[in-house]
């Protein structure tokens, strides 16, 4: 998760530290968003969709493998999603 505030305390994540090392201005933007002073930044990596799709394909292949190997249905927790 990203930076957030709880009362007056600020909680940081590992991503916050990494972002700060890459760009200190990003820390100021995230802090303002955590305090509700501005809207949170919205950026999505174009690679994320590809990685998500590959992950889902891998998961489906693995579930099919388990079904073949174990000879029965698998309990897919994502089926309702």
N, C-alpha and C. Protein backbone atom coordinates (compact mmCIF):
# COMPACT_ATOMS: atom_id res chain seq x y z
N UNK A 1 0.83 -1.19 0.00
CA UNK A 1 0.00 0.00 0.00
C UNK A 1 0.87 1.24 0.00
N UNK A 2 0.26 2.32 -0.32
CA UNK A 2 0.98 3.58 -0.36
C UNK A 2 0.85 4.30 0.98
N UNK A 3 1.55 5.40 1.09
CA UNK A 3 1.57 6.22 2.29
C UNK A 3 0.14 6.55 2.73
N UNK A 4 -0.12 6.48 4.03
CA UNK A 4 -1.41 6.91 4.55
C UNK A 4 -1.23 7.48 5.94
N UNK A 5 -2.25 8.17 6.40
CA UNK A 5 -2.19 8.78 7.73
C UNK A 5 -3.23 8.15 8.63
N UNK A 6 -2.88 8.05 9.89
CA UNK A 6 -3.79 7.55 10.92
C UNK A 6 -3.73 8.59 12.02
N UNK A 7 -4.78 9.40 12.12
CA UNK A 7 -4.77 10.58 12.99
C UNK A 7 -3.66 11.50 12.51
N UNK A 8 -2.64 11.70 13.30
CA UNK A 8 -1.54 12.56 12.87
C UNK A 8 -0.30 11.77 12.50
N UNK A 9 -0.35 10.46 12.66
CA UNK A 9 0.79 9.61 12.32
C UNK A 9 0.79 9.31 10.82
N UNK A 10 1.98 9.20 10.26
CA UNK A 10 2.14 8.86 8.85
C UNK A 10 2.74 7.47 8.77
N UNK A 11 2.09 6.61 8.00
CA UNK A 11 2.62 5.26 7.81
C UNK A 11 3.18 5.15 6.40
N UNK A 12 4.40 4.66 6.32
CA UNK A 12 5.09 4.53 5.03
C UNK A 12 5.22 3.06 4.66
N UNK A 13 5.26 2.81 3.37
CA UNK A 13 5.48 1.46 2.87
C UNK A 13 6.86 1.39 2.23
N UNK A 14 7.28 0.20 1.89
CA UNK A 14 8.56 0.04 1.18
C UNK A 14 8.51 0.77 -0.15
N UNK A 15 7.35 0.79 -0.79
CA UNK A 15 7.20 1.52 -2.05
C UNK A 15 7.40 3.02 -1.85
N UNK A 16 6.97 3.53 -0.70
CA UNK A 16 7.18 4.95 -0.41
C UNK A 16 8.67 5.27 -0.32
N UNK A 17 9.42 4.42 0.34
CA UNK A 17 10.87 4.63 0.46
C UNK A 17 11.53 4.57 -0.91
N UNK A 18 11.16 3.58 -1.69
CA UNK A 18 11.72 3.45 -3.03
C UNK A 18 11.38 4.67 -3.88
N UNK A 19 10.13 5.11 -3.79
CA UNK A 19 9.72 6.30 -4.54
C UNK A 19 10.48 7.53 -4.10
N UNK A 20 10.72 7.66 -2.79
CA UNK A 20 11.46 8.81 -2.26
C UNK A 20 12.90 8.82 -2.78
N UNK A 21 13.51 7.65 -2.81
CA UNK A 21 14.89 7.58 -3.31
C UNK A 21 14.97 7.93 -4.79
N UNK A 22 13.92 7.61 -5.53
CA UNK A 22 13.90 7.92 -6.96
C UNK A 22 13.51 9.37 -7.23
N UNK A 23 12.61 9.92 -6.39
CA UNK A 23 12.09 11.27 -6.66
C UNK A 23 11.50 11.85 -5.38
N UNK A 24 12.18 12.79 -4.79
CA UNK A 24 11.70 13.38 -3.53
C UNK A 24 10.40 14.15 -3.71
N UNK A 25 10.20 14.69 -4.91
CA UNK A 25 8.95 15.40 -5.17
C UNK A 25 7.75 14.44 -5.07
N UNK A 26 7.95 13.20 -5.48
CA UNK A 26 6.90 12.19 -5.37
C UNK A 26 6.46 12.04 -3.91
N UNK A 27 7.40 12.09 -2.99
CA UNK A 27 7.08 11.98 -1.57
C UNK A 27 6.16 13.13 -1.16
N UNK A 28 6.45 14.34 -1.62
CA UNK A 28 5.60 15.49 -1.29
C UNK A 28 4.19 15.32 -1.86
N UNK A 29 4.10 14.80 -3.09
CA UNK A 29 2.79 14.57 -3.70
C UNK A 29 2.02 13.50 -2.95
N UNK A 30 2.69 12.40 -2.59
CA UNK A 30 2.04 11.32 -1.85
C UNK A 30 1.60 11.78 -0.46
N UNK A 31 2.42 12.59 0.20
CA UNK A 31 2.08 13.09 1.52
C UNK A 31 0.84 14.00 1.45
N UNK A 32 0.80 14.87 0.45
CA UNK A 32 -0.37 15.74 0.28
C UNK A 32 -1.63 14.91 0.01
N UNK A 33 -1.50 13.86 -0.76
CA UNK A 33 -2.64 12.98 -1.04
C UNK A 33 -3.08 12.24 0.23
N UNK A 34 -2.12 11.78 1.03
CA UNK A 34 -2.45 11.07 2.27
C UNK A 34 -3.17 11.99 3.25
N UNK A 35 -2.83 13.25 3.22
CA UNK A 35 -3.47 14.22 4.11
C UNK A 35 -4.80 14.73 3.54
N UNK A 36 -5.12 14.33 2.32
CA UNK A 36 -6.37 14.77 1.70
C UNK A 36 -6.28 16.13 1.07
N UNK A 37 -5.07 16.63 0.87
CA UNK A 37 -4.88 17.96 0.30
C UNK A 37 -4.92 17.96 -1.22
N UNK A 38 -4.80 16.79 -1.83
CA UNK A 38 -4.85 16.66 -3.28
C UNK A 38 -5.30 15.25 -3.61
N UNK A 39 -5.68 15.05 -4.84
CA UNK A 39 -6.08 13.70 -5.28
C UNK A 39 -4.83 12.84 -5.45
N UNK A 40 -4.96 11.58 -5.12
CA UNK A 40 -3.83 10.65 -5.26
C UNK A 40 -3.45 10.49 -6.72
N UNK A 41 -2.16 10.30 -6.95
CA UNK A 41 -1.68 10.08 -8.31
C UNK A 41 -2.21 8.76 -8.83
N UNK A 42 -2.60 8.74 -10.09
CA UNK A 42 -3.11 7.52 -10.71
C UNK A 42 -2.26 7.22 -11.94
N UNK A 43 -1.44 6.21 -11.82
CA UNK A 43 -0.61 5.77 -12.93
C UNK A 43 -0.58 4.27 -12.93
N UNK A 44 -0.80 3.71 -14.07
CA UNK A 44 -0.79 2.26 -14.20
C UNK A 44 0.24 1.87 -15.24
N UNK A 45 1.10 0.98 -14.86
CA UNK A 45 2.14 0.49 -15.77
C UNK A 45 1.49 -0.27 -16.92
N UNK A 46 1.88 0.04 -18.15
CA UNK A 46 1.33 -0.72 -19.27
C UNK A 46 1.74 -2.20 -19.22
N UNK A 47 2.83 -2.48 -18.55
CA UNK A 47 3.27 -3.87 -18.42
C UNK A 47 2.42 -4.66 -17.43
N UNK A 48 1.73 -3.98 -16.54
CA UNK A 48 0.96 -4.66 -15.51
C UNK A 48 -0.13 -5.54 -16.10
N UNK A 49 -0.79 -5.07 -17.15
CA UNK A 49 -1.85 -5.86 -17.77
C UNK A 49 -1.29 -7.14 -18.37
N UNK A 50 -0.12 -7.05 -18.98
CA UNK A 50 0.51 -8.22 -19.57
C UNK A 50 0.90 -9.21 -18.48
N UNK A 51 1.50 -8.71 -17.40
CA UNK A 51 1.89 -9.58 -16.29
C UNK A 51 0.68 -10.23 -15.63
N UNK A 52 -0.40 -9.44 -15.47
CA UNK A 52 -1.62 -9.98 -14.88
C UNK A 52 -2.18 -11.11 -15.75
N UNK A 53 -2.22 -10.89 -17.08
CA UNK A 53 -2.73 -11.90 -17.99
C UNK A 53 -1.87 -13.17 -17.95
N UNK A 54 -0.56 -13.00 -17.96
CA UNK A 54 0.34 -14.17 -17.88
C UNK A 54 0.15 -14.92 -16.57
N UNK A 55 -0.04 -14.19 -15.50
CA UNK A 55 -0.27 -14.82 -14.20
C UNK A 55 -1.56 -15.63 -14.19
N UNK A 56 -2.62 -15.07 -14.77
CA UNK A 56 -3.89 -15.79 -14.83
C UNK A 56 -3.77 -17.03 -15.71
N UNK A 57 -3.05 -16.92 -16.84
CA UNK A 57 -2.85 -18.07 -17.71
C UNK A 57 -2.07 -19.16 -16.99
N UNK A 58 -1.05 -18.76 -16.25
CA UNK A 58 -0.25 -19.72 -15.49
C UNK A 58 -1.13 -20.40 -14.43
N UNK A 59 -1.93 -19.62 -13.73
CA UNK A 59 -2.79 -20.18 -12.70
C UNK A 59 -3.78 -21.18 -13.30
N UNK A 60 -4.38 -20.84 -14.42
CA UNK A 60 -5.32 -21.76 -15.06
C UNK A 60 -4.63 -23.05 -15.50
N UNK A 61 -3.42 -22.93 -16.05
CA UNK A 61 -2.68 -24.12 -16.47
C UNK A 61 -2.33 -24.99 -15.26
N UNK A 62 -1.95 -24.36 -14.16
CA UNK A 62 -1.60 -25.12 -12.96
C UNK A 62 -2.83 -25.81 -12.38
N UNK A 63 -3.96 -25.12 -12.36
CA UNK A 63 -5.19 -25.74 -11.86
C UNK A 63 -5.59 -26.92 -12.73
N UNK A 64 -5.43 -26.77 -14.05
CA UNK A 64 -5.73 -27.89 -14.96
C UNK A 64 -4.80 -29.06 -14.69
N UNK A 65 -3.52 -28.76 -14.43
CA UNK A 65 -2.54 -29.80 -14.09
C UNK A 65 -2.95 -30.53 -12.81
N UNK A 66 -3.35 -29.79 -11.79
CA UNK A 66 -3.77 -30.41 -10.54
C UNK A 66 -5.00 -31.28 -10.74
N UNK A 67 -5.92 -30.78 -11.56
CA UNK A 67 -7.13 -31.56 -11.81
C UNK A 67 -6.80 -32.87 -12.51
N UNK A 68 -5.88 -32.81 -13.50
CA UNK A 68 -5.46 -34.03 -14.19
C UNK A 68 -4.72 -34.97 -13.25
N UNK A 69 -3.83 -34.40 -12.45
CA UNK A 69 -2.99 -35.20 -11.56
C UNK A 69 -3.79 -35.81 -10.41
N UNK A 70 -4.65 -35.02 -9.81
CA UNK A 70 -5.41 -35.47 -8.65
C UNK A 70 -6.72 -36.15 -9.05
N UNK A 71 -7.13 -35.95 -10.29
CA UNK A 71 -8.32 -36.61 -10.78
C UNK A 71 -9.64 -36.10 -10.24
N UNK A 72 -9.66 -34.87 -9.78
CA UNK A 72 -10.90 -34.34 -9.25
C UNK A 72 -10.96 -32.83 -9.39
N UNK A 73 -12.04 -32.26 -8.92
CA UNK A 73 -12.18 -30.80 -9.02
C UNK A 73 -11.21 -30.10 -8.07
N UNK A 74 -10.84 -28.90 -8.44
CA UNK A 74 -10.00 -28.07 -7.57
C UNK A 74 -10.86 -26.95 -7.02
N UNK A 75 -10.51 -26.47 -5.88
CA UNK A 75 -11.24 -25.37 -5.24
C UNK A 75 -10.61 -24.07 -5.69
N UNK A 76 -11.18 -23.46 -6.74
CA UNK A 76 -10.66 -22.21 -7.28
C UNK A 76 -11.31 -21.04 -6.57
N UNK A 77 -10.57 -20.37 -5.71
CA UNK A 77 -11.10 -19.25 -4.93
C UNK A 77 -11.43 -18.05 -5.81
N UNK A 78 -10.86 -17.98 -7.01
CA UNK A 78 -11.10 -16.85 -7.90
C UNK A 78 -12.30 -17.08 -8.81
N UNK A 79 -12.93 -18.21 -8.75
CA UNK A 79 -14.01 -18.53 -9.68
C UNK A 79 -15.11 -17.48 -9.68
N UNK A 80 -15.40 -16.89 -8.53
CA UNK A 80 -16.46 -15.91 -8.45
C UNK A 80 -16.03 -14.50 -8.82
N UNK A 81 -14.77 -14.29 -9.08
CA UNK A 81 -14.28 -12.95 -9.40
C UNK A 81 -14.44 -12.63 -10.85
